[in-house]
Amino acid sequence: MRWFRRKAAGRAVLVDPARQEALLADVRQRYGAHVAGGWQQQAASLAQALTGDDGLSVATRIVHDTADHAYADVQAQVRGHRVDRRDYRALYRQMGPHLRYRLTELPLHPYVHLSAALTAVEADVKRAMVLTDPNLLLAHTLELLDLTVSGWEFGRVPVTADAARLVSRLIAAATRMRLTEDDPPALPPGIREVMRSNRTTDVHDHSGTLVGTINVGAETRRSFLI
Protein backbone atom coordinates (compact mmCIF):
# COMPACT_ATOMS: atom_id res chain seq x y z
CA MET A 1 0.00 0.00 0.00
CA ARG A 2 1.23 3.47 -0.81
CA TRP A 3 -0.53 5.25 2.04
CA PHE A 4 1.68 6.56 4.83
CA ARG A 5 0.92 7.97 8.24
CA ARG A 6 1.47 11.70 7.97
CA LYS A 7 3.49 13.40 10.64
CA ALA A 8 1.75 15.99 12.73
CA ALA A 9 3.58 18.89 11.06
CA GLY A 10 4.99 20.15 14.34
CA ARG A 11 1.86 19.48 16.39
CA ALA A 12 2.00 16.71 18.95
CA VAL A 13 -0.89 14.25 18.84
CA LEU A 14 -2.82 14.90 22.04
CA VAL A 15 -5.45 12.26 22.67
CA ASP A 16 -7.19 11.08 25.81
CA PRO A 17 -8.89 7.67 25.41
CA ALA A 18 -11.09 8.25 28.47
CA ARG A 19 -12.26 11.57 27.11
CA GLN A 20 -12.97 9.97 23.74
CA GLU A 21 -15.13 7.28 25.36
CA ALA A 22 -17.03 9.94 27.30
CA LEU A 23 -17.49 11.99 24.14
CA LEU A 24 -18.72 8.98 22.17
CA ALA A 25 -21.20 8.11 24.93
CA ASP A 26 -22.45 11.70 24.90
CA VAL A 27 -22.76 11.61 21.12
CA ARG A 28 -24.90 8.47 21.29
CA GLN A 29 -27.13 9.93 24.00
CA ARG A 30 -27.63 13.46 22.67
CA TYR A 31 -27.94 12.71 18.95
CA GLY A 32 -29.76 10.18 16.83
CA ALA A 33 -33.18 8.91 15.76
CA HIS A 34 -34.41 8.94 19.37
CA VAL A 35 -33.84 12.70 19.67
CA ALA A 36 -36.36 15.32 18.55
CA GLY A 37 -35.20 17.57 15.76
CA GLY A 38 -34.28 17.23 12.11
CA TRP A 39 -31.39 14.96 11.15
CA GLN A 40 -29.62 17.68 9.18
CA GLN A 41 -29.75 20.06 12.12
CA GLN A 42 -28.48 17.37 14.49
CA ALA A 43 -25.63 16.46 12.16
CA ALA A 44 -24.58 20.09 11.80
CA SER A 45 -24.57 20.56 15.58
CA LEU A 46 -22.67 17.34 16.20
CA ALA A 47 -20.01 18.13 13.57
CA GLN A 48 -19.11 21.26 15.53
CA ALA A 49 -18.39 19.10 18.59
CA LEU A 50 -16.07 16.73 16.71
CA THR A 51 -13.03 19.01 16.69
CA GLY A 52 -9.56 18.79 18.18
CA ASP A 53 -7.64 15.53 18.26
CA ASP A 54 -10.14 13.76 20.51
CA GLY A 55 -13.15 14.94 18.51
CA LEU A 56 -11.56 13.94 15.22
CA SER A 57 -10.56 10.58 16.67
CA VAL A 58 -14.19 9.99 17.61
CA ALA A 59 -15.25 11.05 14.11
CA THR A 60 -12.91 8.51 12.49
CA ARG A 61 -14.11 5.85 14.91
CA ILE A 62 -17.72 6.54 13.89
CA VAL A 63 -16.76 5.91 10.25
CA HIS A 64 -14.86 2.71 11.14
CA ASP A 65 -17.57 1.40 13.47
CA THR A 66 -20.40 2.10 11.01
CA ALA A 67 -18.58 0.21 8.25
CA ASP A 68 -17.80 -2.72 10.57
CA HIS A 69 -21.37 -2.92 11.90
CA ALA A 70 -22.79 -2.77 8.37
CA TYR A 71 -20.47 -5.54 7.21
CA ALA A 72 -21.38 -7.73 10.20
CA ASP A 73 -25.07 -7.23 9.49
CA VAL A 74 -24.75 -8.16 5.82
CA GLN A 75 -22.56 -11.17 6.63
CA ALA A 76 -25.16 -12.38 9.15
CA GLN A 77 -27.82 -12.22 6.43
CA VAL A 78 -25.84 -14.34 3.96
CA ARG A 79 -24.43 -17.13 6.12
CA GLY A 80 -22.50 -19.51 3.94
CA HIS A 81 -21.47 -16.78 1.51
CA ARG A 82 -18.29 -14.77 1.80
CA VAL A 83 -18.91 -11.03 1.75
CA ASP A 84 -16.29 -9.05 -0.16
CA ARG A 85 -16.17 -5.68 1.56
CA ARG A 86 -14.59 -4.14 -1.55
CA ASP A 87 -17.51 -5.15 -3.77
CA TYR A 88 -20.96 -5.16 -2.16
CA ARG A 89 -22.30 -4.49 -5.63
CA ALA A 90 -21.57 -8.05 -6.77
CA LEU A 91 -23.40 -9.49 -3.74
CA TYR A 92 -26.41 -7.21 -4.16
CA ARG A 93 -26.60 -8.00 -7.86
CA GLN A 94 -26.84 -11.70 -6.96
CA MET A 95 -29.12 -11.49 -3.91
CA GLY A 96 -30.70 -8.04 -4.26
CA PRO A 97 -34.23 -8.07 -2.84
CA HIS A 98 -33.36 -10.90 -0.44
CA LEU A 99 -30.94 -8.62 1.42
CA ARG A 100 -32.23 -6.08 3.89
CA TYR A 101 -30.46 -2.73 3.87
CA ARG A 102 -30.34 -1.82 7.57
CA LEU A 103 -27.89 1.06 7.81
CA THR A 104 -30.54 3.18 9.52
CA GLU A 105 -31.01 0.47 12.17
CA LEU A 106 -27.37 0.39 13.28
CA PRO A 107 -26.26 1.84 16.64
CA LEU A 108 -24.81 4.93 14.93
CA HIS A 109 -27.33 6.70 12.70
CA PRO A 110 -26.08 7.29 9.15
CA TYR A 111 -27.84 10.62 8.64
CA VAL A 112 -26.78 12.03 12.01
CA HIS A 113 -23.65 10.41 13.46
CA LEU A 114 -22.02 9.30 10.21
CA SER A 115 -22.88 12.49 8.32
CA ALA A 116 -21.45 14.62 11.15
CA ALA A 117 -18.32 12.47 11.34
CA LEU A 118 -17.70 12.79 7.61
CA THR A 119 -18.18 16.55 7.81
CA ALA A 120 -15.63 16.78 10.63
CA VAL A 121 -13.12 14.58 8.81
CA GLU A 122 -13.51 16.47 5.56
CA ALA A 123 -12.95 19.79 7.35
CA ASP A 124 -9.58 18.67 8.76
CA VAL A 125 -8.73 15.65 6.66
CA LYS A 126 -4.95 15.76 6.99
CA ARG A 127 -5.14 15.82 10.77
CA ALA A 128 -7.80 13.11 10.83
CA MET A 129 -5.58 10.83 8.78
CA VAL A 130 -2.75 11.30 11.28
CA LEU A 131 -5.04 10.02 14.03
CA THR A 132 -6.08 6.76 12.38
CA ASP A 133 -5.00 4.34 9.66
CA PRO A 134 -5.53 6.57 6.59
CA ASN A 135 -5.88 3.68 4.16
CA LEU A 136 -8.56 2.05 6.33
CA LEU A 137 -10.43 5.33 6.74
CA LEU A 138 -10.65 5.74 2.97
CA ALA A 139 -11.53 2.06 2.48
CA HIS A 140 -14.38 2.26 4.99
CA THR A 141 -15.73 5.47 3.45
CA LEU A 142 -15.78 3.89 -0.01
CA GLU A 143 -17.25 0.69 1.43
CA LEU A 144 -20.21 2.59 2.86
CA LEU A 145 -20.69 4.37 -0.46
CA ASP A 146 -20.67 1.07 -2.35
CA LEU A 147 -23.09 -0.54 0.12
CA THR A 148 -25.56 2.34 -0.02
CA VAL A 149 -25.64 2.68 -3.80
CA SER A 150 -25.86 -1.11 -4.23
CA GLY A 151 -28.91 -1.13 -1.96
CA TRP A 152 -30.53 1.53 -4.10
CA GLU A 153 -29.89 -0.21 -7.38
CA PHE A 154 -30.38 -3.89 -6.55
CA GLY A 155 -32.10 -3.97 -3.16
CA ARG A 156 -35.09 -1.76 -3.94
CA VAL A 157 -34.09 0.64 -1.18
CA PRO A 158 -36.05 3.92 -1.48
CA VAL A 159 -33.80 6.87 -2.26
CA THR A 160 -34.68 9.68 0.13
CA ALA A 161 -33.22 13.17 0.25
CA ASP A 162 -31.36 12.17 3.44
CA ALA A 163 -29.83 9.14 1.70
CA ALA A 164 -28.81 11.24 -1.31
CA ARG A 165 -27.16 13.81 0.97
CA LEU A 166 -25.25 11.02 2.73
CA VAL A 167 -23.96 9.65 -0.58
CA SER A 168 -22.79 13.11 -1.64
CA ARG A 169 -21.09 13.49 1.75
CA LEU A 170 -19.34 10.12 1.39
CA ILE A 171 -18.10 11.10 -2.08
CA ALA A 172 -16.86 14.50 -0.85
CA ALA A 173 -15.01 13.01 2.13
CA ALA A 174 -13.41 10.25 0.05
CA THR A 175 -12.33 12.84 -2.51
CA ARG A 176 -10.56 14.92 0.13
CA MET A 177 -8.83 11.81 1.48
CA ARG A 178 -7.62 10.81 -1.98
CA LEU A 179 -6.34 14.31 -2.65
CA THR A 180 -4.04 14.14 0.38
CA GLU A 181 -1.94 11.54 -1.41
CA ASP A 182 -0.25 12.02 -4.79
CA ASP A 183 -0.64 8.34 -5.70
CA PRO A 184 -3.61 6.89 -3.75
CA PRO A 185 -4.51 3.19 -3.83
CA ALA A 186 -6.64 1.87 -6.67
CA LEU A 187 -10.36 2.29 -6.23
CA PRO A 188 -12.20 -0.91 -5.24
CA PRO A 189 -14.08 -2.82 -7.95
CA GLY A 190 -17.56 -1.88 -6.74
CA ILE A 191 -16.75 1.82 -6.93
CA ARG A 192 -15.08 1.47 -10.34
CA GLU A 193 -18.25 -0.14 -11.66
CA VAL A 194 -20.39 2.66 -10.24
CA MET A 195 -18.14 5.18 -11.99
CA ARG A 196 -18.80 3.50 -15.35
CA SER A 197 -22.55 3.89 -14.92
CA ASN A 198 -24.64 6.87 -15.92
CA ARG A 199 -27.80 6.04 -13.98
CA THR A 200 -29.96 8.93 -12.84
CA THR A 201 -31.97 8.06 -9.73
CA ASP A 202 -35.07 9.86 -8.53
CA VAL A 203 -34.92 11.27 -5.00
CA HIS A 204 -38.09 11.56 -2.90
CA ASP A 205 -38.97 13.13 0.43
CA HIS A 206 -40.61 11.18 3.25
CA SER A 207 -44.07 11.79 1.78
CA GLY A 208 -43.02 10.24 -1.52
CA THR A 209 -42.86 13.55 -3.41
CA LEU A 210 -40.15 13.77 -6.05
CA VAL A 211 -37.63 16.39 -4.92
CA GLY A 212 -34.76 15.85 -7.36
CA THR A 213 -32.38 13.35 -8.91
CA ILE A 214 -28.85 12.09 -8.32
CA ASN A 215 -26.38 10.53 -10.76
CA VAL A 216 -23.79 8.79 -8.60
CA GLY A 217 -21.73 7.65 -11.58
CA ALA A 218 -21.32 11.22 -12.76
CA GLU A 219 -20.56 12.50 -9.26
CA THR A 220 -17.88 9.88 -8.64
CA ARG A 221 -16.25 10.39 -12.02
CA ARG A 222 -16.13 14.12 -11.47
CA SER A 223 -14.64 13.66 -8.00
CA PHE A 224 -12.36 10.63 -8.27
CA LEU A 225 -10.85 11.26 -11.70
CA ILE A 226 -9.25 14.53 -10.64
C-alpha atoms as a PDB file:
ATOM      1  CA  MET A   1       0.000   0.000   0.000  1.00  0.00           C
ATOM      2  CA  ARG A   2       1.229   3.474  -0.811  1.00  0.00           C
ATOM      3  CA  TRP A   3      -0.527   5.248   2.044  1.00  0.00           C
ATOM      4  CA  PHE A   4       1.682   6.556   4.832  1.00  0.00           C
ATOM      5  CA  ARG A   5       0.921   7.969   8.243  1.00  0.00           C
ATOM      6  CA  ARG A   6       1.466  11.696   7.969  1.00  0.00           C
ATOM      7  CA  LYS A   7       3.491  13.397  10.643  1.00  0.00           C
ATOM      8  CA  ALA A   8       1.750  15.987  12.726  1.00  0.00           C
ATOM      9  CA  ALA A   9       3.577  18.893  11.062  1.00  0.00           C
ATOM     10  CA  GLY A  10       4.990  20.149  14.344  1.00  0.00           C
ATOM     11  CA  ARG A  11       1.862  19.476  16.385  1.00  0.00           C
ATOM     12  CA  ALA A  12       2.001  16.712  18.946  1.00  0.00           C
ATOM     13  CA  VAL A  13      -0.890  14.246  18.843  1.00  0.00           C
ATOM     14  CA  LEU A  14      -2.817  14.899  22.037  1.00  0.00           C
ATOM     15  CA  VAL A  15      -5.446  12.256  22.668  1.00  0.00           C
ATOM     16  CA  ASP A  16      -7.190  11.080  25.810  1.00  0.00           C
ATOM     17  CA  PRO A  17      -8.889   7.668  25.410  1.00  0.00           C
ATOM     18  CA  ALA A  18     -11.087   8.246  28.468  1.00  0.00           C
ATOM     19  CA  ARG A  19     -12.264  11.569  27.111  1.00  0.00           C
ATOM     20  CA  GLN A  20     -12.972   9.975  23.743  1.00  0.00           C
ATOM     21  CA  GLU A  21     -15.128   7.280  25.359  1.00  0.00           C
ATOM     22  CA  ALA A  22     -17.033   9.942  27.298  1.00  0.00           C
ATOM     23  CA  LEU A  23     -17.492  11.994  24.136  1.00  0.00           C
ATOM     24  CA  LEU A  24     -18.717   8.977  22.169  1.00  0.00           C
ATOM     25  CA  ALA A  25     -21.204   8.108  24.930  1.00  0.00           C
ATOM     26  CA  ASP A  26     -22.445  11.703  24.903  1.00  0.00           C
ATOM     27  CA  VAL A  27     -22.756  11.608  21.116  1.00  0.00           C
ATOM     28  CA  ARG A  28     -24.902   8.472  21.295  1.00  0.00           C
ATOM     29  CA  GLN A  29     -27.127   9.933  24.001  1.00  0.00           C
ATOM     30  CA  ARG A  30     -27.634  13.458  22.669  1.00  0.00           C
ATOM     31  CA  TYR A  31     -27.943  12.713  18.953  1.00  0.00           C
ATOM     32  CA  GLY A  32     -29.763  10.177  16.828  1.00  0.00           C
ATOM     33  CA  ALA A  33     -33.178   8.914  15.759  1.00  0.00           C
ATOM     34  CA  HIS A  34     -34.407   8.943  19.374  1.00  0.00           C
ATOM     35  CA  VAL A  35     -33.840  12.699  19.667  1.00  0.00           C
ATOM     36  CA  ALA A  36     -36.355  15.316  18.553  1.00  0.00           C
ATOM     37  CA  GLY A  37     -35.196  17.567  15.760  1.00  0.00           C
ATOM     38  CA  GLY A  38     -34.277  17.226  12.112  1.00  0.00           C
ATOM     39  CA  TRP A  39     -31.394  14.962  11.145  1.00  0.00           C
ATOM     40  CA  GLN A  40     -29.623  17.684   9.177  1.00  0.00           C
ATOM     41  CA  GLN A  41     -29.751  20.056  12.124  1.00  0.00           C
ATOM     42  CA  GLN A  42     -28.482  17.373  14.495  1.00  0.00           C
ATOM     43  CA  ALA A  43     -25.633  16.459  12.163  1.00  0.00           C
ATOM     44  CA  ALA A  44     -24.577  20.089  11.801  1.00  0.00           C
ATOM     45  CA  SER A  45     -24.567  20.557  15.576  1.00  0.00           C
ATOM     46  CA  LEU A  46     -22.669  17.338  16.201  1.00  0.00           C
ATOM     47  CA  ALA A  47     -20.013  18.127  13.572  1.00  0.00           C
ATOM     48  CA  GLN A  48     -19.114  21.264  15.526  1.00  0.00           C
ATOM     49  CA  ALA A  49     -18.393  19.103  18.591  1.00  0.00           C
ATOM     50  CA  LEU A  50     -16.068  16.728  16.714  1.00  0.00           C
ATOM     51  CA  THR A  51     -13.029  19.010  16.692  1.00  0.00           C
ATOM     52  CA  GLY A  52      -9.558  18.788  18.183  1.00  0.00           C
ATOM     53  CA  ASP A  53      -7.637  15.529  18.257  1.00  0.00           C
ATOM     54  CA  ASP A  54     -10.137  13.757  20.510  1.00  0.00           C
ATOM     55  CA  GLY A  55     -13.146  14.938  18.513  1.00  0.00           C
ATOM     56  CA  LEU A  56     -11.556  13.944  15.217  1.00  0.00           C
ATOM     57  CA  SER A  57     -10.562  10.583  16.673  1.00  0.00           C
ATOM     58  CA  VAL A  58     -14.188   9.985  17.615  1.00  0.00           C
ATOM     59  CA  ALA A  59     -15.251  11.046  14.110  1.00  0.00           C
ATOM     60  CA  THR A  60     -12.912   8.515  12.492  1.00  0.00           C
ATOM     61  CA  ARG A  61     -14.114   5.848  14.914  1.00  0.00           C
ATOM     62  CA  ILE A  62     -17.721   6.537  13.888  1.00  0.00           C
ATOM     63  CA  VAL A  63     -16.757   5.908  10.247  1.00  0.00           C
ATOM     64  CA  HIS A  64     -14.859   2.715  11.136  1.00  0.00           C
ATOM     65  CA  ASP A  65     -17.574   1.397  13.466  1.00  0.00           C
ATOM     66  CA  THR A  66     -20.399   2.096  11.011  1.00  0.00           C
ATOM     67  CA  ALA A  67     -18.584   0.206   8.254  1.00  0.00           C
ATOM     68  CA  ASP A  68     -17.802  -2.719  10.574  1.00  0.00           C
ATOM     69  CA  HIS A  69     -21.372  -2.921  11.897  1.00  0.00           C
ATOM     70  CA  ALA A  70     -22.788  -2.771   8.370  1.00  0.00           C
ATOM     71  CA  TYR A  71     -20.474  -5.543   7.208  1.00  0.00           C
ATOM     72  CA  ALA A  72     -21.381  -7.728  10.200  1.00  0.00           C
ATOM     73  CA  ASP A  73     -25.073  -7.229   9.490  1.00  0.00           C
ATOM     74  CA  VAL A  74     -24.753  -8.164   5.820  1.00  0.00           C
ATOM     75  CA  GLN A  75     -22.561 -11.169   6.632  1.00  0.00           C
ATOM     76  CA  ALA A  76     -25.159 -12.379   9.146  1.00  0.00           C
ATOM     77  CA  GLN A  77     -27.818 -12.218   6.431  1.00  0.00           C
ATOM     78  CA  VAL A  78     -25.843 -14.341   3.956  1.00  0.00           C
ATOM     79  CA  ARG A  79     -24.434 -17.126   6.124  1.00  0.00           C
ATOM     80  CA  GLY A  80     -22.502 -19.508   3.944  1.00  0.00           C
ATOM     81  CA  HIS A  81     -21.467 -16.781   1.510  1.00  0.00           C
ATOM     82  CA  ARG A  82     -18.286 -14.770   1.802  1.00  0.00           C
ATOM     83  CA  VAL A  83     -18.907 -11.027   1.750  1.00  0.00           C
ATOM     84  CA  ASP A  84     -16.288  -9.047  -0.163  1.00  0.00           C
ATOM     85  CA  ARG A  85     -16.169  -5.683   1.563  1.00  0.00           C
ATOM     86  CA  ARG A  86     -14.593  -4.140  -1.553  1.00  0.00           C
ATOM     87  CA  ASP A  87     -17.508  -5.147  -3.772  1.00  0.00           C
ATOM     88  CA  TYR A  88     -20.960  -5.163  -2.161  1.00  0.00           C
ATOM     89  CA  ARG A  89     -22.304  -4.494  -5.633  1.00  0.00           C
ATOM     90  CA  ALA A  90     -21.574  -8.053  -6.774  1.00  0.00           C
ATOM     91  CA  LEU A  91     -23.401  -9.490  -3.740  1.00  0.00           C
ATOM     92  CA  TYR A  92     -26.413  -7.214  -4.164  1.00  0.00           C
ATOM     93  CA  ARG A  93     -26.603  -8.000  -7.860  1.00  0.00           C
ATOM     94  CA  GLN A  94     -26.837 -11.695  -6.961  1.00  0.00           C
ATOM     95  CA  MET A  95     -29.117 -11.490  -3.908  1.00  0.00           C
ATOM     96  CA  GLY A  96     -30.698  -8.040  -4.264  1.00  0.00           C
ATOM     97  CA  PRO A  97     -34.229  -8.070  -2.840  1.00  0.00           C
ATOM     98  CA  HIS A  98     -33.361 -10.895  -0.442  1.00  0.00           C
ATOM     99  CA  LEU A  99     -30.945  -8.616   1.416  1.00  0.00           C
ATOM    100  CA  ARG A 100     -32.227  -6.084   3.887  1.00  0.00           C
ATOM    101  CA  TYR A 101     -30.458  -2.731   3.872  1.00  0.00           C
ATOM    102  CA  ARG A 102     -30.339  -1.824   7.567  1.00  0.00           C
ATOM    103  CA  LEU A 103     -27.889   1.055   7.813  1.00  0.00           C
ATOM    104  CA  THR A 104     -30.539   3.182   9.524  1.00  0.00           C
ATOM    105  CA  GLU A 105     -31.007   0.471  12.171  1.00  0.00           C
ATOM    106  CA  LEU A 106     -27.365   0.391  13.276  1.00  0.00           C
ATOM    107  CA  PRO A 107     -26.256   1.844  16.643  1.00  0.00           C
ATOM    108  CA  LEU A 108     -24.808   4.934  14.933  1.00  0.00           C
ATOM    109  CA  HIS A 109     -27.328   6.696  12.704  1.00  0.00           C
ATOM    110  CA  PRO A 110     -26.079   7.286   9.150  1.00  0.00           C
ATOM    111  CA  TYR A 111     -27.836  10.619   8.638  1.00  0.00           C
ATOM    112  CA  VAL A 112     -26.784  12.033  12.008  1.00  0.00           C
ATOM    113  CA  HIS A 113     -23.654  10.406  13.461  1.00  0.00           C
ATOM    114  CA  LEU A 114     -22.021   9.304  10.205  1.00  0.00           C
ATOM    115  CA  SER A 115     -22.875  12.486   8.324  1.00  0.00           C
ATOM    116  CA  ALA A 116     -21.445  14.615  11.145  1.00  0.00           C
ATOM    117  CA  ALA A 117     -18.317  12.470  11.343  1.00  0.00           C
ATOM    118  CA  LEU A 118     -17.700  12.788   7.611  1.00  0.00           C
ATOM    119  CA  THR A 119     -18.179  16.550   7.810  1.00  0.00           C
ATOM    120  CA  ALA A 120     -15.631  16.781  10.629  1.00  0.00           C
ATOM    121  CA  VAL A 121     -13.124  14.576   8.810  1.00  0.00           C
ATOM    122  CA  GLU A 122     -13.510  16.475   5.555  1.00  0.00           C
ATOM    123  CA  ALA A 123     -12.954  19.793   7.350  1.00  0.00           C
ATOM    124  CA  ASP A 124      -9.584  18.670   8.760  1.00  0.00           C
ATOM    125  CA  VAL A 125      -8.730  15.653   6.655  1.00  0.00           C
ATOM    126  CA  LYS A 126      -4.948  15.756   6.988  1.00  0.00           C
ATOM    127  CA  ARG A 127      -5.137  15.819  10.766  1.00  0.00           C
ATOM    128  CA  ALA A 128      -7.802  13.112  10.832  1.00  0.00           C
ATOM    129  CA  MET A 129      -5.578  10.832   8.783  1.00  0.00           C
ATOM    130  CA  VAL A 130      -2.753  11.297  11.284  1.00  0.00           C
ATOM    131  CA  LEU A 131      -5.037  10.020  14.032  1.00  0.00           C
ATOM    132  CA  THR A 132      -6.079   6.759  12.377  1.00  0.00           C
ATOM    133  CA  ASP A 133      -5.004   4.338   9.655  1.00  0.00           C
ATOM    134  CA  PRO A 134      -5.529   6.573   6.588  1.00  0.00           C
ATOM    135  CA  ASN A 135      -5.877   3.679   4.162  1.00  0.00           C
ATOM    136  CA  LEU A 136      -8.556   2.053   6.334  1.00  0.00           C
ATOM    137  CA  LEU A 137     -10.434   5.329   6.738  1.00  0.00           C
ATOM    138  CA  LEU A 138     -10.645   5.739   2.967  1.00  0.00           C
ATOM    139  CA  ALA A 139     -11.534   2.064   2.477  1.00  0.00           C
ATOM    140  CA  HIS A 140     -14.384   2.258   4.993  1.00  0.00           C
ATOM    141  CA  THR A 141     -15.726   5.467   3.449  1.00  0.00           C
ATOM    142  CA  LEU A 142     -15.775   3.893  -0.008  1.00  0.00           C
ATOM    143  CA  GLU A 143     -17.246   0.689   1.430  1.00  0.00           C
ATOM    144  CA  LEU A 144     -20.211   2.595   2.863  1.00  0.00           C
ATOM    145  CA  LEU A 145     -20.687   4.374  -0.456  1.00  0.00           C
ATOM    146  CA  ASP A 146     -20.671   1.070  -2.345  1.00  0.00           C
ATOM    147  CA  LEU A 147     -23.094  -0.544   0.122  1.00  0.00           C
ATOM    148  CA  THR A 148     -25.561   2.337  -0.021  1.00  0.00           C
ATOM    149  CA  VAL A 149     -25.635   2.678  -3.798  1.00  0.00           C
ATOM    150  CA  SER A 150     -25.864  -1.113  -4.229  1.00  0.00           C
ATOM    151  CA  GLY A 151     -28.910  -1.130  -1.960  1.00  0.00           C
ATOM    152  CA  TRP A 152     -30.531   1.533  -4.104  1.00  0.00           C
ATOM    153  CA  GLU A 153     -29.888  -0.210  -7.383  1.00  0.00           C
ATOM    154  CA  PHE A 154     -30.380  -3.885  -6.546  1.00  0.00           C
ATOM    155  CA  GLY A 155     -32.102  -3.967  -3.155  1.00  0.00           C
ATOM    156  CA  ARG A 156     -35.089  -1.758  -3.944  1.00  0.00           C
ATOM    157  CA  VAL A 157     -34.086   0.637  -1.176  1.00  0.00           C
ATOM    158  CA  PRO A 158     -36.051   3.921  -1.476  1.00  0.00           C
ATOM    159  CA  VAL A 159     -33.797   6.874  -2.257  1.00  0.00           C
ATOM    160  CA  THR A 160     -34.684   9.678   0.131  1.00  0.00           C
ATOM    161  CA  ALA A 161     -33.221  13.172   0.253  1.00  0.00           C
ATOM    162  CA  ASP A 162     -31.361  12.169   3.440  1.00  0.00           C
ATOM    163  CA  ALA A 163     -29.826   9.145   1.699  1.00  0.00           C
ATOM    164  CA  ALA A 164     -28.810  11.240  -1.313  1.00  0.00           C
ATOM    165  CA  ARG A 165     -27.157  13.814   0.971  1.00  0.00           C
ATOM    166  CA  LEU A 166     -25.254  11.025   2.733  1.00  0.00           C
ATOM    167  CA  VAL A 167     -23.961   9.655  -0.579  1.00  0.00           C
ATOM    168  CA  SER A 168     -22.789  13.109  -1.642  1.00  0.00           C
ATOM    169  CA  ARG A 169     -21.089  13.492   1.752  1.00  0.00           C
ATOM    170  CA  LEU A 170     -19.343  10.119   1.386  1.00  0.00           C
ATOM    171  CA  ILE A 171     -18.096  11.104  -2.075  1.00  0.00           C
ATOM    172  CA  ALA A 172     -16.864  14.496  -0.846  1.00  0.00           C
ATOM    173  CA  ALA A 173     -15.014  13.015   2.132  1.00  0.00           C
ATOM    174  CA  ALA A 174     -13.412  10.251   0.053  1.00  0.00           C
ATOM    175  CA  THR A 175     -12.327  12.838  -2.510  1.00  0.00           C
ATOM    176  CA  ARG A 176     -10.558  14.923   0.135  1.00  0.00           C
ATOM    177  CA  MET A 177      -8.830  11.812   1.484  1.00  0.00           C
ATOM    178  CA  ARG A 178      -7.618  10.812  -1.980  1.00  0.00           C
ATOM    179  CA  LEU A 179      -6.335  14.313  -2.652  1.00  0.00           C
ATOM    180  CA  THR A 180      -4.039  14.139   0.376  1.00  0.00           C
ATOM    181  CA  GLU A 181      -1.940  11.538  -1.414  1.00  0.00           C
ATOM    182  CA  ASP A 182      -0.254  12.015  -4.795  1.00  0.00           C
ATOM    183  CA  ASP A 183      -0.642   8.341  -5.696  1.00  0.00           C
ATOM    184  CA  PRO A 184      -3.612   6.893  -3.752  1.00  0.00           C
ATOM    185  CA  PRO A 185      -4.512   3.189  -3.832  1.00  0.00           C
ATOM    186  CA  ALA A 186      -6.637   1.867  -6.673  1.00  0.00           C
ATOM    187  CA  LEU A 187     -10.357   2.289  -6.226  1.00  0.00           C
ATOM    188  CA  PRO A 188     -12.203  -0.914  -5.237  1.00  0.00           C
ATOM    189  CA  PRO A 189     -14.079  -2.823  -7.949  1.00  0.00           C
ATOM    190  CA  GLY A 190     -17.557  -1.875  -6.735  1.00  0.00           C
ATOM    191  CA  ILE A 191     -16.749   1.823  -6.925  1.00  0.00           C
ATOM    192  CA  ARG A 192     -15.084   1.467 -10.337  1.00  0.00           C
ATOM    193  CA  GLU A 193     -18.253  -0.144 -11.664  1.00  0.00           C
ATOM    194  CA  VAL A 194     -20.385   2.663 -10.237  1.00  0.00           C
ATOM    195  CA  MET A 195     -18.142   5.180 -11.993  1.00  0.00           C
ATOM    196  CA  ARG A 196     -18.802   3.505 -15.347  1.00  0.00           C
ATOM    197  CA  SER A 197     -22.551   3.888 -14.921  1.00  0.00           C
ATOM    198  CA  ASN A 198     -24.643   6.869 -15.915  1.00  0.00           C
ATOM    199  CA  ARG A 199     -27.796   6.044 -13.984  1.00  0.00           C
ATOM    200  CA  THR A 200     -29.961   8.933 -12.843  1.00  0.00           C
ATOM    201  CA  THR A 201     -31.965   8.058  -9.727  1.00  0.00           C
ATOM    202  CA  ASP A 202     -35.074   9.861  -8.527  1.00  0.00           C
ATOM    203  CA  VAL A 203     -34.922  11.265  -5.002  1.00  0.00           C
ATOM    204  CA  HIS A 204     -38.089  11.555  -2.897  1.00  0.00           C
ATOM    205  CA  ASP A 205     -38.970  13.135   0.432  1.00  0.00           C
ATOM    206  CA  HIS A 206     -40.612  11.180   3.246  1.00  0.00           C
ATOM    207  CA  SER A 207     -44.075  11.787   1.780  1.00  0.00           C
ATOM    208  CA  GLY A 208     -43.023  10.244  -1.523  1.00  0.00           C
ATOM    209  CA  THR A 209     -42.859  13.547  -3.405  1.00  0.00           C
ATOM    210  CA  LEU A 210     -40.153  13.772  -6.049  1.00  0.00           C
ATOM    211  CA  VAL A 211     -37.625  16.393  -4.919  1.00  0.00           C
ATOM    212  CA  GLY A 212     -34.757  15.849  -7.356  1.00  0.00           C
ATOM    213  CA  THR A 213     -32.380  13.354  -8.914  1.00  0.00           C
ATOM    214  CA  ILE A 214     -28.853  12.086  -8.322  1.00  0.00           C
ATOM    215  CA  ASN A 215     -26.376  10.534 -10.758  1.00  0.00           C
ATOM    216  CA  VAL A 216     -23.787   8.786  -8.597  1.00  0.00           C
ATOM    217  CA  GLY A 217     -21.727   7.649 -11.580  1.00  0.00           C
ATOM    218  CA  ALA A 218     -21.319  11.225 -12.763  1.00  0.00           C
ATOM    219  CA  GLU A 219     -20.561  12.504  -9.260  1.00  0.00           C
ATOM    220  CA  THR A 220     -17.879   9.881  -8.636  1.00  0.00           C
ATOM    221  CA  ARG A 221     -16.255  10.391 -12.023  1.00  0.00           C
ATOM    222  CA  ARG A 222     -16.134  14.123 -11.468  1.00  0.00           C
ATOM    223  CA  SER A 223     -14.639  13.663  -7.998  1.00  0.00           C
ATOM    224  CA  PHE A 224     -12.359  10.626  -8.271  1.00  0.00           C
ATOM    225  CA  LEU A 225     -10.853  11.265 -11.701  1.00  0.00           C
ATOM    226  CA  ILE A 226      -9.253  14.533 -10.641  1.00  0.00           C
END
